[in-house]
Amino acid sequence: MTFDCVLAAWTAHESELRGYLISRLADRDSAEDLLHEVFLRAMAEGRRFCELSEPRAWLFRVARNALVDSTRRRRPSAELPANLPAPEADAPEPVDALAECLERTLATLAAPDQDVLRRCDLEHMPQARYAELHELGLPAVKARLRRARLRLRARLEQRCRVGFDETGRVCCHQPAEHPSWGPRG
């Protein structure tokens, strides 16, 4: 029967799972609820569960995910005030308004910096693929990309007067006038 393998794995690991959940939640009832949820998910897998090479690892992964979901659901939240103004539909996000300055600033970097930033960050090429195409080691590409990002950031701060909020995200910018840039707009 399909469920025999689920029951065998459950019998072998139930107490260990219970201990794991109780240690993370410090609330036996909540731990029991999550334990029940893990069991139901294992039963729902049916034949696929029986084909697992590591049922214990699967059970713990499901338990961990259930624990994370439970924690998120219990996180306190506050309702927004009814008189909160709606964001302006036509107002671009500050980071979007930075695109023009970013492109101009990127063009001022050395060709190797431009290449690694464009390929890996803008075109989302995997760093391992970039390393392969340029006959470099992956650590060399990671170092090159990190240095290029630092140089780009310094130039953006200087040329575009980029400001960051308390979380480190771009909040605002004011591009500096530069004769070689031509008119803004």
C-alpha atoms as a PDB file:
ATOM      1  CA  MET A   1       0.000   0.000   0.000  1.00  0.00           C
ATOM      2  CA  THR A   2       1.194   3.505  -0.801  1.00  0.00           C
ATOM      3  CA  PHE A   3       0.772   4.830   2.716  1.00  0.00           C
ATOM      4  CA  ASP A   4       2.865   2.130   4.399  1.00  0.00           C
ATOM      5  CA  CYS A   5       6.100   3.943   3.535  1.00  0.00           C
ATOM      6  CA  VAL A   6       4.679   7.252   4.834  1.00  0.00           C
ATOM      7  CA  LEU A   7       3.630   5.617   8.087  1.00  0.00           C
ATOM      8  CA  ALA A   8       7.007   3.881   8.457  1.00  0.00           C
ATOM      9  CA  ALA A   9       8.928   7.152   7.970  1.00  0.00           C
ATOM     10  CA  TRP A  10       6.504   8.988  10.235  1.00  0.00           C
ATOM     11  CA  THR A  11       6.877   6.417  13.011  1.00  0.00           C
ATOM     12  CA  ALA A  12      10.675   6.620  12.744  1.00  0.00           C
ATOM     13  CA  HIS A  13      10.881  10.438  12.856  1.00  0.00           C
ATOM     14  CA  GLU A  14       7.747  11.776  14.573  1.00  0.00           C
ATOM     15  CA  SER A  15       9.265  12.276  18.027  1.00  0.00           C
ATOM     16  CA  GLU A  16      12.361  13.960  16.575  1.00  0.00           C
ATOM     17  CA  LEU A  17      10.155  16.297  14.503  1.00  0.00           C
ATOM     18  CA  ARG A  18       8.019  17.072  17.558  1.00  0.00           C
ATOM     19  CA  GLY A  19      11.121  17.972  19.574  1.00  0.00           C
ATOM     20  CA  TYR A  20      12.410  20.173  16.768  1.00  0.00           C
ATOM     21  CA  LEU A  21       9.134  22.088  16.503  1.00  0.00           C
ATOM     22  CA  ILE A  22       8.692  22.459  20.268  1.00  0.00           C
ATOM     23  CA  SER A  23      12.241  23.783  20.627  1.00  0.00           C
ATOM     24  CA  ARG A  24      11.576  26.406  17.946  1.00  0.00           C
ATOM     25  CA  LEU A  25       8.110  27.454  19.053  1.00  0.00           C
ATOM     26  CA  ALA A  26       8.215  27.007  22.837  1.00  0.00           C
ATOM     27  CA  ASP A  27       4.491  26.289  22.569  1.00  0.00           C
ATOM     28  CA  ARG A  28       3.514  22.636  22.604  1.00  0.00           C
ATOM     29  CA  ASP A  29       0.042  23.178  21.099  1.00  0.00           C
ATOM     30  CA  SER A  30       1.380  25.148  18.126  1.00  0.00           C
ATOM     31  CA  ALA A  31       4.085  22.532  17.636  1.00  0.00           C
ATOM     32  CA  GLU A  32       1.468  19.770  17.588  1.00  0.00           C
ATOM     33  CA  ASP A  33      -0.572  21.713  15.003  1.00  0.00           C
ATOM     34  CA  LEU A  34       2.455  22.059  12.745  1.00  0.00           C
ATOM     35  CA  LEU A  35       3.383  18.421  13.282  1.00  0.00           C
ATOM     36  CA  HIS A  36      -0.105  17.451  12.119  1.00  0.00           C
ATOM     37  CA  GLU A  37       0.329  19.704   9.062  1.00  0.00           C
ATOM     38  CA  VAL A  38       3.626  17.982   8.184  1.00  0.00           C
ATOM     39  CA  PHE A  39       1.982  14.574   8.466  1.00  0.00           C
ATOM     40  CA  LEU A  40      -0.864  15.646   6.170  1.00  0.00           C
ATOM     41  CA  ARG A  41       1.605  16.952   3.593  1.00  0.00           C
ATOM     42  CA  ALA A  42       3.503  13.646   3.690  1.00  0.00           C
ATOM     43  CA  MET A  43       0.268  11.722   3.198  1.00  0.00           C
ATOM     44  CA  ALA A  44      -0.719  14.016   0.327  1.00  0.00           C
ATOM     45  CA  GLU A  45       2.561  13.181  -1.432  1.00  0.00           C
ATOM     46  CA  GLY A  46       1.531   9.520  -1.494  1.00  0.00           C
ATOM     47  CA  ARG A  47       3.595   7.538  -4.002  1.00  0.00           C
ATOM     48  CA  ARG A  48       6.091  10.390  -4.516  1.00  0.00           C
ATOM     49  CA  PHE A  49       6.943  10.257  -0.798  1.00  0.00           C
ATOM     50  CA  CYS A  50       7.672   6.548  -1.125  1.00  0.00           C
ATOM     51  CA  GLU A  51      10.178   7.292  -3.903  1.00  0.00           C
ATOM     52  CA  LEU A  52      12.206   9.729  -1.768  1.00  0.00           C
ATOM     53  CA  SER A  53      15.753   8.659  -0.997  1.00  0.00           C
ATOM     54  CA  GLU A  54      15.825  10.762   2.215  1.00  0.00           C
ATOM     55  CA  PRO A  55      12.343  10.898   3.770  1.00  0.00           C
ATOM     56  CA  ARG A  56      13.741  12.285   7.055  1.00  0.00           C
ATOM     57  CA  ALA A  57      15.291  15.270   5.259  1.00  0.00           C
ATOM     58  CA  TRP A  58      12.029  15.860   3.382  1.00  0.00           C
ATOM     59  CA  LEU A  59      10.020  15.784   6.615  1.00  0.00           C
ATOM     60  CA  PHE A  60      12.355  18.267   8.307  1.00  0.00           C
ATOM     61  CA  ARG A  61      12.327  20.586   5.282  1.00  0.00           C
ATOM     62  CA  VAL A  62       8.524  20.589   5.300  1.00  0.00           C
ATOM     63  CA  ALA A  63       8.530  21.157   9.076  1.00  0.00           C
ATOM     64  CA  ARG A  64      10.942  24.086   8.720  1.00  0.00           C
ATOM     65  CA  ASN A  65       8.826  25.627   5.944  1.00  0.00           C
ATOM     66  CA  ALA A  66       5.659  25.192   7.998  1.00  0.00           C
ATOM     67  CA  LEU A  67       7.425  26.836  10.934  1.00  0.00           C
ATOM     68  CA  VAL A  68       8.454  29.818   8.784  1.00  0.00           C
ATOM     69  CA  ASP A  69       4.935  30.179   7.382  1.00  0.00           C
ATOM     70  CA  SER A  70       3.462  30.012  10.873  1.00  0.00           C
ATOM     71  CA  THR A  71       5.860  32.654  12.158  1.00  0.00           C
ATOM     72  CA  ARG A  72       4.985  34.967   9.271  1.00  0.00           C
ATOM     73  CA  ARG A  73       1.268  34.568   9.926  1.00  0.00           C
ATOM     74  CA  ARG A  74       1.722  35.505  13.585  1.00  0.00           C
ATOM     75  CA  ARG A  75       3.849  38.599  12.863  1.00  0.00           C
ATOM     76  CA  PRO A  76       2.028  41.665  14.146  1.00  0.00           C
ATOM     77  CA  SER A  77       0.776  44.096  11.556  1.00  0.00           C
ATOM     78  CA  ALA A  78      -0.840  47.488  11.755  1.00  0.00           C
ATOM     79  CA  GLU A  79      -3.654  48.794   9.619  1.00  0.00           C
ATOM     80  CA  LEU A  80      -2.891  51.795   7.486  1.00  0.00           C
ATOM     81  CA  PRO A  81      -4.778  54.968   8.357  1.00  0.00           C
ATOM     82  CA  ALA A  82      -7.803  55.660   6.158  1.00  0.00           C
ATOM     83  CA  ASN A  83      -6.609  59.180   5.359  1.00  0.00           C
ATOM     84  CA  LEU A  84      -3.270  58.039   3.937  1.00  0.00           C
ATOM     85  CA  PRO A  85      -2.783  59.744   0.557  1.00  0.00           C
ATOM     86  CA  ALA A  86      -2.475  57.483  -2.461  1.00  0.00           C
ATOM     87  CA  PRO A  87       0.850  57.622  -4.304  1.00  0.00           C
ATOM     88  CA  GLU A  88       0.878  59.779  -7.399  1.00  0.00           C
ATOM     89  CA  ALA A  89       0.371  57.573 -10.450  1.00  0.00           C
ATOM     90  CA  ASP A  90       2.623  59.674 -12.684  1.00  0.00           C
ATOM     91  CA  ALA A  91       5.484  60.059 -10.211  1.00  0.00           C
ATOM     92  CA  PRO A  92       8.343  57.729 -11.148  1.00  0.00           C
ATOM     93  CA  GLU A  93      10.125  55.801  -8.445  1.00  0.00           C
ATOM     94  CA  PRO A  94      13.408  57.490  -7.508  1.00  0.00           C
ATOM     95  CA  VAL A  95      15.391  54.446  -8.554  1.00  0.00           C
ATOM     96  CA  ASP A  96      13.679  54.484 -11.988  1.00  0.00           C
ATOM     97  CA  ALA A  97      14.551  58.139 -12.479  1.00  0.00           C
ATOM     98  CA  LEU A  98      18.179  57.184 -11.905  1.00  0.00           C
ATOM     99  CA  ALA A  99      18.323  55.049 -15.071  1.00  0.00           C
ATOM    100  CA  GLU A 100      19.509  57.856 -17.353  1.00  0.00           C
ATOM    101  CA  CYS A 101      22.243  58.923 -14.961  1.00  0.00           C
ATOM    102  CA  LEU A 102      23.247  55.302 -14.452  1.00  0.00           C
ATOM    103  CA  GLU A 103      23.694  54.754 -18.183  1.00  0.00           C
ATOM    104  CA  ARG A 104      25.779  57.914 -18.571  1.00  0.00           C
ATOM    105  CA  THR A 105      27.897  57.089 -15.537  1.00  0.00           C
ATOM    106  CA  LEU A 106      28.410  53.491 -16.591  1.00  0.00           C
ATOM    107  CA  ALA A 107      29.809  54.761 -19.888  1.00  0.00           C
ATOM    108  CA  THR A 108      32.575  56.596 -17.987  1.00  0.00           C
ATOM    109  CA  LEU A 109      33.981  53.412 -16.463  1.00  0.00           C
ATOM    110  CA  ALA A 110      36.823  51.409 -17.978  1.00  0.00           C
ATOM    111  CA  ALA A 111      35.738  48.896 -20.627  1.00  0.00           C
ATOM    112  CA  PRO A 112      36.328  45.802 -18.412  1.00  0.00           C
ATOM    113  CA  ASP A 113      34.183  47.328 -15.645  1.00  0.00           C
ATOM    114  CA  GLN A 114      31.434  48.216 -18.104  1.00  0.00           C
ATOM    115  CA  ASP A 115      31.481  44.731 -19.586  1.00  0.00           C
ATOM    116  CA  VAL A 116      31.249  42.791 -16.322  1.00  0.00           C
ATOM    117  CA  LEU A 117      28.539  45.108 -14.942  1.00  0.00           C
ATOM    118  CA  ARG A 118      26.452  45.004 -18.114  1.00  0.00           C
ATOM    119  CA  ARG A 119      26.712  41.253 -18.594  1.00  0.00           C
ATOM    120  CA  CYS A 120      26.347  40.081 -14.977  1.00  0.00           C
ATOM    121  CA  ASP A 121      24.169  42.783 -13.383  1.00  0.00           C
ATOM    122  CA  LEU A 122      22.119  44.250 -16.214  1.00  0.00           C
ATOM    123  CA  GLU A 123      21.799  41.230 -18.505  1.00  0.00           C
ATOM    124  CA  HIS A 124      21.757  38.730 -15.593  1.00  0.00           C
ATOM    125  CA  MET A 125      24.426  36.462 -17.059  1.00  0.00           C
ATOM    126  CA  PRO A 126      25.559  33.943 -14.437  1.00  0.00           C
ATOM    127  CA  GLN A 127      29.007  34.779 -13.120  1.00  0.00           C
ATOM    128  CA  ALA A 128      30.197  31.252 -13.867  1.00  0.00           C
ATOM    129  CA  ARG A 129      29.218  31.682 -17.522  1.00  0.00           C
ATOM    130  CA  TYR A 130      31.006  35.045 -17.679  1.00  0.00           C
ATOM    131  CA  ALA A 131      34.111  33.404 -16.207  1.00  0.00           C
ATOM    132  CA  GLU A 132      33.942  30.644 -18.803  1.00  0.00           C
ATOM    133  CA  LEU A 133      33.544  33.071 -21.731  1.00  0.00           C
ATOM    134  CA  HIS A 134      36.464  35.217 -20.572  1.00  0.00           C
ATOM    135  CA  GLU A 135      38.665  32.289 -19.520  1.00  0.00           C
ATOM    136  CA  LEU A 136      38.748  33.483 -15.912  1.00  0.00           C
ATOM    137  CA  GLY A 137      38.243  31.719 -12.629  1.00  0.00           C
ATOM    138  CA  LEU A 138      34.962  32.320 -10.813  1.00  0.00           C
ATOM    139  CA  PRO A 139      36.738  33.999  -7.842  1.00  0.00           C
ATOM    140  CA  ALA A 140      38.398  36.430 -10.283  1.00  0.00           C
ATOM    141  CA  VAL A 141      35.032  37.339 -11.798  1.00  0.00           C
ATOM    142  CA  LYS A 142      33.477  37.834  -8.371  1.00  0.00           C
ATOM    143  CA  ALA A 143      36.348  40.125  -7.350  1.00  0.00           C
ATOM    144  CA  ARG A 144      36.217  42.025 -10.652  1.00  0.00           C
ATOM    145  CA  LEU A 145      32.455  42.508 -10.340  1.00  0.00           C
ATOM    146  CA  ARG A 146      32.729  43.663  -6.731  1.00  0.00           C
ATOM    147  CA  ARG A 147      35.409  46.237  -7.595  1.00  0.00           C
ATOM    148  CA  ALA A 148      33.421  47.451 -10.623  1.00  0.00           C
ATOM    149  CA  ARG A 149      30.304  47.873  -8.458  1.00  0.00           C
ATOM    150  CA  LEU A 150      32.276  49.894  -5.915  1.00  0.00           C
ATOM    151  CA  ARG A 151      33.686  52.166  -8.636  1.00  0.00           C
ATOM    152  CA  LEU A 152      30.228  52.596 -10.171  1.00  0.00           C
ATOM    153  CA  ARG A 153      28.694  53.413  -6.802  1.00  0.00           C
ATOM    154  CA  ALA A 154      31.368  56.031  -6.067  1.00  0.00           C
ATOM    155  CA  ARG A 155      30.784  57.669  -9.439  1.00  0.00           C
ATOM    156  CA  LEU A 156      27.008  57.579  -8.996  1.00  0.00           C
ATOM    157  CA  GLU A 157      27.322  59.240  -5.605  1.00  0.00           C
ATOM    158  CA  GLN A 158      29.525  61.914  -7.126  1.00  0.00           C
ATOM    159  CA  ARG A 159      27.896  62.496 -10.514  1.00  0.00           C
ATOM    160  CA  CYS A 160      24.249  61.801  -9.710  1.00  0.00           C
ATOM    161  CA  ARG A 161      24.260  62.820  -6.055  1.00  0.00           C
ATOM    162  CA  VAL A 162      22.558  59.583  -5.126  1.00  0.00           C
ATOM    163  CA  GLY A 163      20.910  59.487  -1.705  1.00  0.00           C
ATOM    164  CA  PHE A 164      20.116  56.345   0.238  1.00  0.00           C
ATOM    165  CA  ASP A 165      17.373  55.705   2.790  1.00  0.00           C
ATOM    166  CA  GLU A 166      17.858  53.976   6.146  1.00  0.00           C
ATOM    167  CA  THR A 167      17.687  50.541   4.493  1.00  0.00           C
ATOM    168  CA  GLY A 168      20.412  51.358   1.962  1.00  0.00           C
ATOM    169  CA  ARG A 169      18.035  51.672  -1.001  1.00  0.00           C
ATOM    170  CA  VAL A 170      18.225  54.522  -3.469  1.00  0.00           C
ATOM    171  CA  CYS A 171      15.777  57.193  -2.352  1.00  0.00           C
ATOM    172  CA  CYS A 172      16.720  60.182  -4.445  1.00  0.00           C
ATOM    173  CA  HIS A 173      19.260  61.680  -6.784  1.00  0.00           C
ATOM    174  CA  GLN A 174      20.133  64.954  -8.421  1.00  0.00           C
ATOM    175  CA  PRO A 175      22.342  64.545 -11.496  1.00  0.00           C
ATOM    176  CA  ALA A 176      25.193  67.022 -11.591  1.00  0.00           C
ATOM    177  CA  GLU A 177      25.494  69.080 -14.738  1.00  0.00           C
ATOM    178  CA  HIS A 178      28.424  68.071 -16.872  1.00  0.00           C
ATOM    179  CA  PRO A 179      29.407  69.728 -20.166  1.00  0.00           C
ATOM    180  CA  SER A 180      29.964  66.404 -21.952  1.00  0.00           C
ATOM    181  CA  TRP A 181      26.492  65.149 -21.007  1.00  0.00           C
ATOM    182  CA  GLY A 182      24.564  67.704 -23.004  1.00  0.00           C
ATOM    183  CA  PRO A 183      21.204  69.048 -21.818  1.00  0.00           C
ATOM    184  CA  ARG A 184      19.270  67.092 -19.198  1.00  0.00           C
ATOM    185  CA  GLY A 185      15.825  65.905 -19.924  1.00  0.00           C
END
